Amino acid sequence: MKNQRKATLFALITVLFWSTMSSAFKLSLDWFSYDWLLLWAAGFGWIGLISLSFFNGKIKQVFPKEKQYWIKSAILGLLNPFAYYLILFKAYELLQAQEAGVLNYSWPVILTLLSVPFLGQKLGVKALIAILISFSGLWVISTKGAVFSLAFSSPPGVILALGSAFLWALYWIVNLHDKREAIPKITLNMGFGLLYMLLYIVLFDRWQTINIQGIVGAAYIGFFEMGFTFVIWMKALQYAEHTAKVSNLIFLSPFLALFFIHFLVGETIAASTIIGLALIITGIFIQQKTKYPKA
């Protein structure tokens, strides 16, 4: 049953949780290295998702009989959560939260570009202008407003943040070809990602001391970034009478994130971050309103 008020409420709850994630990442990295943070967060995320599947009576769908679905989940789990969050958390180690968060938000722009070779879509002049506007915003943030100096605050951090956006966009393109129900599919993907992370830790890292602050942060990220919030967002879309009205609320997320970053992390929000974010959002908004020519 459609109910726009419920849809808006669920969407706003989703936006609220997603807006806190940059702060949660940065604060949690004070207690864990980026790879150990991912290990714990993926563990909590998988527990949350497997619990949802169990209580929804879909636990059998998490473990399909078809071999092809196991192969697909192995590939998707490699992209997300393993590679995507490993690179993203490292970017947060190297950059301010405001920089890493906003640069990562460029994934819709990258998704548009990847849709050309992978989905056979064509880009018109309006879409190309929108992409240029968004990339100008990325440039402003990466150079902290010194757009002609080529002085990046942390070149490796910028590359990693943009790389994570690329992986997220690629993940959703690959995900389009997998028609399984969302929650069981993502649960199995998360299980593979957790296995990859355990193997990574065994091969490349050493044991880190467990502390309550880090565990609380990882649990928050796992449950509300990787698990429950996705389900809340799906509920918003299910109840929505007008999907666009719900989807457009996501534009609030990066601006609210700056508010939390300032008051929770203690970063002074740079004017270049706000200007760059405004340019990125403008480009994405224009893309949403653009009708693409058929391939």
C-alpha atoms as a PDB file:
ATOM      1  CA  MET A   1       0.000   0.000   0.000  1.00  0.00           C
ATOM      2  CA  LYS A   2       1.349   3.405  -1.006  1.00  0.00           C
ATOM      3  CA  ASN A   3       1.741   5.991   1.743  1.00  0.00           C
ATOM      4  CA  GLN A   4       3.800   9.078   0.912  1.00  0.00           C
ATOM      5  CA  ARG A   5       4.051  10.191   4.552  1.00  0.00           C
ATOM      6  CA  LYS A   6       5.545   6.854   5.584  1.00  0.00           C
ATOM      7  CA  ALA A   7       7.814   6.933   2.541  1.00  0.00           C
ATOM      8  CA  THR A   8       9.098  10.386   3.497  1.00  0.00           C
ATOM      9  CA  LEU A   9       9.597   9.337   7.132  1.00  0.00           C
ATOM     10  CA  PHE A  10      11.613   6.240   6.178  1.00  0.00           C
ATOM     11  CA  ALA A  11      13.627   8.270   3.660  1.00  0.00           C
ATOM     12  CA  LEU A  12      14.474  10.921   6.261  1.00  0.00           C
ATOM     13  CA  ILE A  13      15.567   8.231   8.740  1.00  0.00           C
ATOM     14  CA  THR A  14      17.830   6.814   6.027  1.00  0.00           C
ATOM     15  CA  VAL A  15      19.268  10.242   5.258  1.00  0.00           C
ATOM     16  CA  LEU A  16      19.909  10.847   8.965  1.00  0.00           C
ATOM     17  CA  PHE A  17      21.890   7.622   9.386  1.00  0.00           C
ATOM     18  CA  TRP A  18      23.844   8.045   6.157  1.00  0.00           C
ATOM     19  CA  SER A  19      24.663  11.636   7.122  1.00  0.00           C
ATOM     20  CA  THR A  20      26.442  10.446  10.269  1.00  0.00           C
ATOM     21  CA  MET A  21      28.669   7.935   8.507  1.00  0.00           C
ATOM     22  CA  SER A  22      31.575  10.223   7.598  1.00  0.00           C
ATOM     23  CA  SER A  23      31.831  11.178  11.271  1.00  0.00           C
ATOM     24  CA  ALA A  24      31.521   7.539  12.358  1.00  0.00           C
ATOM     25  CA  PHE A  25      34.281   6.486   9.949  1.00  0.00           C
ATOM     26  CA  LYS A  26      36.672   9.205  11.086  1.00  0.00           C
ATOM     27  CA  LEU A  27      36.050   8.751  14.809  1.00  0.00           C
ATOM     28  CA  SER A  28      36.305   4.955  14.622  1.00  0.00           C
ATOM     29  CA  LEU A  29      39.627   5.201  12.788  1.00  0.00           C
ATOM     30  CA  ASP A  30      41.064   6.724  15.977  1.00  0.00           C
ATOM     31  CA  TRP A  31      40.710   3.266  17.555  1.00  0.00           C
ATOM     32  CA  PHE A  32      41.211   0.821  14.685  1.00  0.00           C
ATOM     33  CA  SER A  33      43.315   0.773  11.529  1.00  0.00           C
ATOM     34  CA  TYR A  34      41.274   0.983   8.335  1.00  0.00           C
ATOM     35  CA  ASP A  35      41.416  -2.765   7.647  1.00  0.00           C
ATOM     36  CA  TRP A  36      40.504  -3.847  11.179  1.00  0.00           C
ATOM     37  CA  LEU A  37      37.642  -1.361  11.192  1.00  0.00           C
ATOM     38  CA  LEU A  38      36.302  -2.996   8.026  1.00  0.00           C
ATOM     39  CA  LEU A  39      36.676  -6.487   9.497  1.00  0.00           C
ATOM     40  CA  TRP A  40      34.606  -5.619  12.564  1.00  0.00           C
ATOM     41  CA  ALA A  41      32.075  -3.514  10.647  1.00  0.00           C
ATOM     42  CA  ALA A  42      31.537  -6.240   8.027  1.00  0.00           C
ATOM     43  CA  GLY A  43      31.096  -8.769  10.831  1.00  0.00           C
ATOM     44  CA  PHE A  44      28.403  -6.693  12.516  1.00  0.00           C
ATOM     45  CA  GLY A  45      26.811  -5.907   9.149  1.00  0.00           C
ATOM     46  CA  TRP A  46      26.577  -9.600   8.289  1.00  0.00           C
ATOM     47  CA  ILE A  47      25.072 -10.420  11.699  1.00  0.00           C
ATOM     48  CA  GLY A  48      22.455  -7.720  11.165  1.00  0.00           C
ATOM     49  CA  LEU A  49      21.570  -8.892   7.659  1.00  0.00           C
ATOM     50  CA  ILE A  50      21.463 -12.602   8.505  1.00  0.00           C
ATOM     51  CA  SER A  51      19.177 -11.774  11.445  1.00  0.00           C
ATOM     52  CA  LEU A  52      16.837  -9.817   9.159  1.00  0.00           C
ATOM     53  CA  SER A  53      16.772 -12.699   6.689  1.00  0.00           C
ATOM     54  CA  PHE A  54      15.945 -15.141   9.481  1.00  0.00           C
ATOM     55  CA  PHE A  55      13.098 -13.091  10.977  1.00  0.00           C
ATOM     56  CA  ASN A  56      11.681 -12.383   7.501  1.00  0.00           C
ATOM     57  CA  GLY A  57      11.642 -16.100   6.709  1.00  0.00           C
ATOM     58  CA  LYS A  58      14.152 -15.680   3.874  1.00  0.00           C
ATOM     59  CA  ILE A  59      17.127 -17.474   5.340  1.00  0.00           C
ATOM     60  CA  LYS A  60      16.945 -20.225   2.683  1.00  0.00           C
ATOM     61  CA  GLN A  61      17.233 -17.601  -0.057  1.00  0.00           C
ATOM     62  CA  VAL A  62      20.528 -16.409   1.423  1.00  0.00           C
ATOM     63  CA  PHE A  63      22.090 -19.779   0.549  1.00  0.00           C
ATOM     64  CA  PRO A  64      20.800 -20.575  -2.975  1.00  0.00           C
ATOM     65  CA  LYS A  65      21.088 -23.982  -4.621  1.00  0.00           C
ATOM     66  CA  GLU A  66      22.198 -22.536  -7.944  1.00  0.00           C
ATOM     67  CA  LYS A  67      25.986 -22.381  -8.391  1.00  0.00           C
ATOM     68  CA  GLN A  68      25.728 -19.259 -10.567  1.00  0.00           C
ATOM     69  CA  TYR A  69      24.386 -17.204  -7.656  1.00  0.00           C
ATOM     70  CA  TRP A  70      27.290 -18.213  -5.431  1.00  0.00           C
ATOM     71  CA  ILE A  71      29.706 -17.107  -8.154  1.00  0.00           C
ATOM     72  CA  LYS A  72      27.869 -13.793  -8.564  1.00  0.00           C
ATOM     73  CA  SER A  73      27.930 -13.146  -4.811  1.00  0.00           C
ATOM     74  CA  ALA A  74      31.631 -14.006  -4.693  1.00  0.00           C
ATOM     75  CA  ILE A  75      32.275 -11.306  -7.329  1.00  0.00           C
ATOM     76  CA  LEU A  76      29.906  -8.750  -5.813  1.00  0.00           C
ATOM     77  CA  GLY A  77      31.297  -9.340  -2.322  1.00  0.00           C
ATOM     78  CA  LEU A  78      34.793  -8.720  -3.663  1.00  0.00           C
ATOM     79  CA  LEU A  79      33.671  -5.328  -4.963  1.00  0.00           C
ATOM     80  CA  ASN A  80      31.512  -4.449  -1.953  1.00  0.00           C
ATOM     81  CA  PRO A  81      32.110  -4.573   0.954  1.00  0.00           C
ATOM     82  CA  PHE A  82      35.722  -5.770   0.555  1.00  0.00           C
ATOM     83  CA  ALA A  83      37.411  -3.509  -2.027  1.00  0.00           C
ATOM     84  CA  TYR A  84      35.049  -0.553  -1.746  1.00  0.00           C
ATOM     85  CA  TYR A  85      35.247  -0.051   2.012  1.00  0.00           C
ATOM     86  CA  LEU A  86      38.912  -1.038   2.274  1.00  0.00           C
ATOM     87  CA  ILE A  87      39.807   1.782  -0.113  1.00  0.00           C
ATOM     88  CA  LEU A  88      37.255   4.207   1.347  1.00  0.00           C
ATOM     89  CA  PHE A  89      38.412   3.741   4.946  1.00  0.00           C
ATOM     90  CA  LYS A  90      42.035   4.241   3.883  1.00  0.00           C
ATOM     91  CA  ALA A  91      40.973   7.487   2.175  1.00  0.00           C
ATOM     92  CA  TYR A  92      39.425   8.611   5.459  1.00  0.00           C
ATOM     93  CA  GLU A  93      42.731   7.907   7.196  1.00  0.00           C
ATOM     94  CA  LEU A  94      44.551  10.213   4.760  1.00  0.00           C
ATOM     95  CA  LEU A  95      41.986  13.003   4.298  1.00  0.00           C
ATOM     96  CA  GLN A  96      39.691  15.111   6.401  1.00  0.00           C
ATOM     97  CA  ALA A  97      36.242  13.579   6.756  1.00  0.00           C
ATOM     98  CA  GLN A  98      34.682  16.437   4.786  1.00  0.00           C
ATOM     99  CA  GLU A  99      37.038  15.842   1.848  1.00  0.00           C
ATOM    100  CA  ALA A 100      36.784  12.049   1.744  1.00  0.00           C
ATOM    101  CA  GLY A 101      33.008  12.081   2.184  1.00  0.00           C
ATOM    102  CA  VAL A 102      32.264  14.587  -0.539  1.00  0.00           C
ATOM    103  CA  LEU A 103      34.755  13.111  -3.022  1.00  0.00           C
ATOM    104  CA  ASN A 104      33.190   9.685  -2.492  1.00  0.00           C
ATOM    105  CA  TYR A 105      29.801  11.240  -3.235  1.00  0.00           C
ATOM    106  CA  SER A 106      30.916  11.629  -6.855  1.00  0.00           C
ATOM    107  CA  TRP A 107      29.825   8.038  -7.578  1.00  0.00           C
ATOM    108  CA  PRO A 108      26.602   9.060  -9.448  1.00  0.00           C
ATOM    109  CA  VAL A 109      28.777  11.037 -11.876  1.00  0.00           C
ATOM    110  CA  ILE A 110      31.105   8.083 -12.394  1.00  0.00           C
ATOM    111  CA  LEU A 111      28.092   5.784 -12.767  1.00  0.00           C
ATOM    112  CA  THR A 112      26.892   7.931 -15.655  1.00  0.00           C
ATOM    113  CA  LEU A 113      30.273   7.640 -17.367  1.00  0.00           C
ATOM    114  CA  LEU A 114      30.489   3.877 -16.816  1.00  0.00           C
ATOM    115  CA  SER A 115      26.999   3.451 -18.254  1.00  0.00           C
ATOM    116  CA  VAL A 116      28.389   4.343 -21.673  1.00  0.00           C
ATOM    117  CA  PRO A 117      30.741   1.334 -22.138  1.00  0.00           C
ATOM    118  CA  PHE A 118      28.909  -1.132 -19.844  1.00  0.00           C
ATOM    119  CA  LEU A 119      25.238  -0.377 -20.549  1.00  0.00           C
ATOM    120  CA  GLY A 120      25.502   1.071 -24.046  1.00  0.00           C
ATOM    121  CA  GLN A 121      24.020   4.430 -23.104  1.00  0.00           C
ATOM    122  CA  LYS A 122      24.800   7.646 -24.953  1.00  0.00           C
ATOM    123  CA  LEU A 123      25.512  11.035 -23.428  1.00  0.00           C
ATOM    124  CA  GLY A 124      24.029  14.204 -24.837  1.00  0.00           C
ATOM    125  CA  VAL A 125      25.449  17.716 -24.557  1.00  0.00           C
ATOM    126  CA  LYS A 126      23.405  18.480 -21.433  1.00  0.00           C
ATOM    127  CA  ALA A 127      24.704  15.367 -19.671  1.00  0.00           C
ATOM    128  CA  LEU A 128      28.310  16.201 -20.562  1.00  0.00           C
ATOM    129  CA  ILE A 129      27.890  19.736 -19.200  1.00  0.00           C
ATOM    130  CA  ALA A 130      26.447  18.274 -15.977  1.00  0.00           C
ATOM    131  CA  ILE A 131      29.461  15.963 -15.646  1.00  0.00           C
ATOM    132  CA  LEU A 132      31.884  18.851 -16.177  1.00  0.00           C
ATOM    133  CA  ILE A 133      30.093  20.874 -13.475  1.00  0.00           C
ATOM    134  CA  SER A 134      30.366  17.979 -11.011  1.00  0.00           C
ATOM    135  CA  PHE A 135      34.029  17.373 -11.807  1.00  0.00           C
ATOM    136  CA  SER A 136      34.771  21.066 -11.319  1.00  0.00           C
ATOM    137  CA  GLY A 137      33.382  20.596  -7.812  1.00  0.00           C
ATOM    138  CA  LEU A 138      35.693  17.647  -7.244  1.00  0.00           C
ATOM    139  CA  TRP A 139      38.621  19.777  -8.374  1.00  0.00           C
ATOM    140  CA  VAL A 140      37.688  22.597  -5.974  1.00  0.00           C
ATOM    141  CA  ILE A 141      37.550  20.174  -3.031  1.00  0.00           C
ATOM    142  CA  SER A 142      40.712  18.277  -3.991  1.00  0.00           C
ATOM    143  CA  THR A 143      42.757  21.492  -4.203  1.00  0.00           C
ATOM    144  CA  LYS A 144      40.988  23.122  -1.208  1.00  0.00           C
ATOM    145  CA  GLY A 145      39.975  26.022  -3.447  1.00  0.00           C
ATOM    146  CA  ALA A 146      43.439  26.619  -4.932  1.00  0.00           C
ATOM    147  CA  VAL A 147      42.185  25.447  -8.314  1.00  0.00           C
ATOM    148  CA  PHE A 148      45.165  26.698 -10.351  1.00  0.00           C
ATOM    149  CA  SER A 149      47.943  25.648  -7.968  1.00  0.00           C
ATOM    150  CA  LEU A 150      47.676  21.847  -8.454  1.00  0.00           C
ATOM    151  CA  ALA A 151      48.434  21.598  -4.715  1.00  0.00           C
ATOM    152  CA  PHE A 152      46.434  18.626  -3.439  1.00  0.00           C
ATOM    153  CA  SER A 153      46.133  18.113   0.322  1.00  0.00           C
ATOM    154  CA  SER A 154      46.862  14.388  -0.072  1.00  0.00           C
ATOM    155  CA  PRO A 155      47.125  13.046  -3.635  1.00  0.00           C
ATOM    156  CA  PRO A 156      46.920   9.373  -2.485  1.00  0.00           C
ATOM    157  CA  GLY A 157      43.863  10.201  -0.376  1.00  0.00           C
ATOM    158  CA  VAL A 158      42.136  11.965  -3.267  1.00  0.00           C
ATOM    159  CA  ILE A 159      42.871   9.047  -5.619  1.00  0.00           C
ATOM    160  CA  LEU A 160      41.551   6.536  -3.086  1.00  0.00           C
ATOM    161  CA  ALA A 161      38.371   8.521  -2.396  1.00  0.00           C
ATOM    162  CA  LEU A 162      37.624   8.788  -6.105  1.00  0.00           C
ATOM    163  CA  GLY A 163      38.630   5.145  -6.544  1.00  0.00           C
ATOM    164  CA  SER A 164      36.052   4.114  -3.956  1.00  0.00           C
ATOM    165  CA  ALA A 165      33.407   6.071  -5.879  1.00  0.00           C
ATOM    166  CA  PHE A 166      34.440   4.223  -9.035  1.00  0.00           C
ATOM    167  CA  LEU A 167      34.108   0.843  -7.281  1.00  0.00           C
ATOM    168  CA  TRP A 168      30.686   1.742  -5.873  1.00  0.00           C
ATOM    169  CA  ALA A 169      29.433   2.719  -9.337  1.00  0.00           C
ATOM    170  CA  LEU A 170      30.914  -0.455 -10.847  1.00  0.00           C
ATOM    171  CA  TYR A 171      29.278  -2.533  -8.114  1.00  0.00           C
ATOM    172  CA  TRP A 172      25.828  -1.222  -8.982  1.00  0.00           C
ATOM    173  CA  ILE A 173      26.332  -1.847 -12.701  1.00  0.00           C
ATOM    174  CA  VAL A 174      27.344  -5.469 -12.027  1.00  0.00           C
ATOM    175  CA  ASN A 175      24.469  -5.716  -9.540  1.00  0.00           C
ATOM    176  CA  LEU A 176      21.951  -4.850 -12.275  1.00  0.00           C
ATOM    177  CA  HIS A 177      22.489  -8.263 -13.866  1.00  0.00           C
ATOM    178  CA  ASP A 178      21.629 -10.125 -10.647  1.00  0.00           C
ATOM    179  CA  LYS A 179      17.836 -10.381 -10.241  1.00  0.00           C
ATOM    180  CA  ARG A 180      17.752 -12.049  -6.811  1.00  0.00           C
ATOM    181  CA  GLU A 181      15.787 -10.477  -3.971  1.00  0.00           C
ATOM    182  CA  ALA A 182      17.800  -7.676  -2.386  1.00  0.00           C
ATOM    183  CA  ILE A 183      18.207  -8.655   1.279  1.00  0.00           C
ATOM    184  CA  PRO A 184      19.221 -12.335   0.784  1.00  0.00           C
ATOM    185  CA  LYS A 185      21.552 -11.336  -2.051  1.00  0.00           C
ATOM    186  CA  ILE A 186      23.283  -8.586  -0.076  1.00  0.00           C
ATOM    187  CA  THR A 187      23.566 -10.910   2.936  1.00  0.00           C
ATOM    188  CA  LEU A 188      25.472 -13.496   0.900  1.00  0.00           C
ATOM    189  CA  ASN A 189      27.593 -10.758  -0.701  1.00  0.00           C
ATOM    190  CA  MET A 190      28.453  -9.489   2.785  1.00  0.00           C
ATOM    191  CA  GLY A 191      29.380 -13.010   3.868  1.00  0.00           C
ATOM    192  CA  PHE A 192      31.879 -13.295   1.027  1.00  0.00           C
ATOM    193  CA  GLY A 193      33.234  -9.828   1.802  1.00  0.00           C
ATOM    194  CA  LEU A 194      33.773 -10.863   5.414  1.00  0.00           C
ATOM    195  CA  LEU A 195      35.670 -13.993   4.305  1.00  0.00           C
ATOM    196  CA  TYR A 196      37.892 -11.898   2.019  1.00  0.00           C
ATOM    197  CA  MET A 197      38.555  -9.521   4.892  1.00  0.00           C
ATOM    198  CA  LEU A 198      39.523 -12.341   7.258  1.00  0.00           C
ATOM    199  CA  LEU A 199      41.941 -13.685   4.635  1.00  0.00           C
ATOM    200  CA  TYR A 200      43.386 -10.192   4.108  1.00  0.00           C
ATOM    201  CA  ILE A 201      43.997  -9.744   7.843  1.00  0.00           C
ATOM    202  CA  VAL A 202      45.698 -13.146   8.126  1.00  0.00           C
ATOM    203  CA  LEU A 203      47.993 -12.430   5.171  1.00  0.00           C
ATOM    204  CA  PHE A 204      48.816  -8.745   5.601  1.00  0.00           C
ATOM    205  CA  ASP A 205      48.154  -7.547   9.147  1.00  0.00           C
ATOM    206  CA  ARG A 206      48.647  -8.395  12.789  1.00  0.00           C
ATOM    207  CA  TRP A 207      46.259  -8.639  15.714  1.00  0.00           C
ATOM    208  CA  GLN A 208      45.005  -5.337  17.103  1.00  0.00           C
ATOM    209  CA  THR A 209      43.858  -4.788  20.664  1.00  0.00           C
ATOM    210  CA  ILE A 210      40.081  -4.696  21.029  1.00  0.00           C
ATOM    211  CA  ASN A 211      38.690  -1.562  22.663  1.00  0.00           C
ATOM    212  CA  ILE A 212      35.109  -0.642  23.453  1.00  0.00           C
ATOM    213  CA  GLN A 213      35.177   2.661  21.546  1.00  0.00           C
ATOM    214  CA  GLY A 214      36.308   0.992  18.342  1.00  0.00           C
ATOM    215  CA  ILE A 215      33.814  -1.854  18.700  1.00  0.00           C
ATOM    216  CA  VAL A 216      30.913   0.557  19.243  1.00  0.00           C
ATOM    217  CA  GLY A 217      31.941   2.535  16.158  1.00  0.00           C
ATOM    218  CA  ALA A 218      32.318  -0.603  14.037  1.00  0.00           C
ATOM    219  CA  ALA A 219      28.929  -1.906  15.228  1.00  0.00           C
ATOM    220  CA  TYR A 220      27.267   1.396  14.341  1.00  0.00           C
ATOM    221  CA  ILE A 221      28.850   1.360  10.865  1.00  0.00           C
ATOM    222  CA  GLY A 222      28.047  -2.318  10.322  1.00  0.00           C
ATOM    223  CA  PHE A 223      24.422  -2.124  11.398  1.00  0.00           C
ATOM    224  CA  PHE A 224      23.464   1.266   9.965  1.00  0.00           C
ATOM    225  CA  GLU A 225      25.784   1.737   6.972  1.00  0.00           C
ATOM    226  CA  MET A 226      25.986  -1.833   5.714  1.00  0.00           C
ATOM    227  CA  GLY A 227      22.804  -3.409   7.075  1.00  0.00           C
ATOM    228  CA  PHE A 228      19.575  -2.025   8.478  1.00  0.00           C
ATOM    229  CA  THR A 229      19.560   1.355   6.749  1.00  0.00           C
ATOM    230  CA  PHE A 230      19.421  -0.264   3.336  1.00  0.00           C
ATOM    231  CA  VAL A 231      16.221  -2.052   4.393  1.00  0.00           C
ATOM    232  CA  ILE A 232      14.729   1.215   5.680  1.00  0.00           C
ATOM    233  CA  TRP A 233      15.513   2.810   2.309  1.00  0.00           C
ATOM    234  CA  MET A 234      13.789  -0.028   0.481  1.00  0.00           C
ATOM    235  CA  LYS A 235      10.723   0.528   2.677  1.00  0.00           C
ATOM    236  CA  ALA A 236      10.738   4.193   1.671  1.00  0.00           C
ATOM    237  CA  LEU A 237      10.726   3.246  -2.007  1.00  0.00           C
ATOM    238  CA  GLN A 238       7.985   0.661  -1.488  1.00  0.00           C
ATOM    239  CA  TYR A 239       5.663   3.174   0.215  1.00  0.00           C
ATOM    240  CA  ALA A 240       6.478   6.028  -2.172  1.00  0.00           C
ATOM    241  CA  GLU A 241       3.691   7.362  -4.393  1.00  0.00           C
ATOM    242  CA  HIS A 242       6.309   9.490  -6.165  1.00  0.00           C
ATOM    243  CA  THR A 243       9.769   7.888  -6.155  1.00  0.00           C
ATOM    244  CA  ALA A 244      11.459  11.108  -7.310  1.00  0.00           C
ATOM    245  CA  LYS A 245      10.256  12.985  -4.206  1.00  0.00           C
ATOM    246  CA  VAL A 246      11.835  10.339  -1.994  1.00  0.00           C
ATOM    247  CA  SER A 247      15.029   9.974  -4.048  1.00  0.00           C
ATOM    248  CA  ASN A 248      15.661  13.722  -4.058  1.00  0.00           C
ATOM    249  CA  LEU A 249      15.825  13.710  -0.247  1.00  0.00           C
ATOM    250  CA  ILE A 250      19.199  11.962  -0.604  1.00  0.00           C
ATOM    251  CA  PHE A 251      20.619  15.341  -1.664  1.00  0.00           C
ATOM    252  CA  LEU A 252      20.246  16.411   1.971  1.00  0.00           C
ATOM    253  CA  SER A 253      22.697  13.745   3.125  1.00  0.00           C
ATOM    254  CA  PRO A 254      26.083  15.299   2.195  1.00  0.00           C
ATOM    255  CA  PHE A 255      25.062  18.703   3.575  1.00  0.00           C
ATOM    256  CA  LEU A 256      23.868  17.198   6.868  1.00  0.00           C
ATOM    257  CA  ALA A 257      27.093  15.179   6.933  1.00  0.00           C
ATOM    258  CA  LEU A 258      29.085  18.425   7.055  1.00  0.00           C
ATOM    259  CA  PHE A 259      27.049  19.505  10.086  1.00  0.00           C
ATOM    260  CA  PHE A 260      27.883  16.273  11.937  1.00  0.00           C
ATOM    261  CA  ILE A 261      31.533  16.415  10.860  1.00  0.00           C
ATOM    262  CA  HIS A 262      31.839  19.910  12.318  1.00  0.00           C
ATOM    263  CA  PHE A 263      30.194  19.168  15.663  1.00  0.00           C
ATOM    264  CA  LEU A 264      31.254  15.538  16.215  1.00  0.00           C
ATOM    265  CA  VAL A 265      34.685  15.358  14.578  1.00  0.00           C
ATOM    266  CA  GLY A 266      35.579  18.994  15.195  1.00  0.00           C
ATOM    267  CA  GLU A 267      36.630  19.889  11.664  1.00  0.00           C
ATOM    268  CA  THR A 268      36.233  23.453  10.451  1.00  0.00           C
ATOM    269  CA  ILE A 269      34.227  23.160   7.254  1.00  0.00           C
ATOM    270  CA  ALA A 270      36.162  24.886   4.466  1.00  0.00           C
ATOM    271  CA  ALA A 271      34.415  27.202   2.028  1.00  0.00           C
ATOM    272  CA  SER A 272      35.951  25.138  -0.786  1.00  0.00           C
ATOM    273  CA  THR A 273      34.135  22.033   0.528  1.00  0.00           C
ATOM    274  CA  ILE A 274      30.757  23.787   0.467  1.00  0.00           C
ATOM    275  CA  ILE A 275      31.345  25.282  -2.994  1.00  0.00           C
ATOM    276  CA  GLY A 276      32.628  21.999  -4.381  1.00  0.00           C
ATOM    277  CA  LEU A 277      29.712  20.058  -2.912  1.00  0.00           C
ATOM    278  CA  ALA A 278      27.227  22.550  -4.373  1.00  0.00           C
ATOM    279  CA  LEU A 279      28.801  22.062  -7.819  1.00  0.00           C
ATOM    280  CA  ILE A 280      28.691  18.261  -7.506  1.00  0.00           C
ATOM    281  CA  ILE A 281      25.034  18.301  -6.431  1.00  0.00           C
ATOM    282  CA  THR A 282      24.161  20.709  -9.239  1.00  0.00           C
ATOM    283  CA  GLY A 283      25.735  18.402 -11.811  1.00  0.00           C
ATOM    284  CA  ILE A 284      23.984  15.326 -10.392  1.00  0.00           C
ATOM    285  CA  PHE A 285      20.632  17.148 -10.290  1.00  0.00           C
ATOM    286  CA  ILE A 286      20.998  18.182 -13.943  1.00  0.00           C
ATOM    287  CA  GLN A 287      21.810  14.561 -14.830  1.00  0.00           C
ATOM    288  CA  GLN A 288      18.630  13.380 -13.117  1.00  0.00           C
ATOM    289  CA  LYS A 289      16.583  15.798 -15.205  1.00  0.00           C
ATOM    290  CA  THR A 290      18.322  14.819 -18.446  1.00  0.00           C
ATOM    291  CA  LYS A 291      16.693  12.499 -20.967  1.00  0.00           C
ATOM    292  CA  TYR A 292      19.430  10.337 -22.463  1.00  0.00           C
ATOM    293  CA  PRO A 293      19.339   9.360 -26.139  1.00  0.00           C
ATOM    294  CA  LYS A 294      18.855   5.664 -26.785  1.00  0.00           C
ATOM    295  CA  ALA A 295      21.875   3.619 -27.780  1.00  0.00           C
END
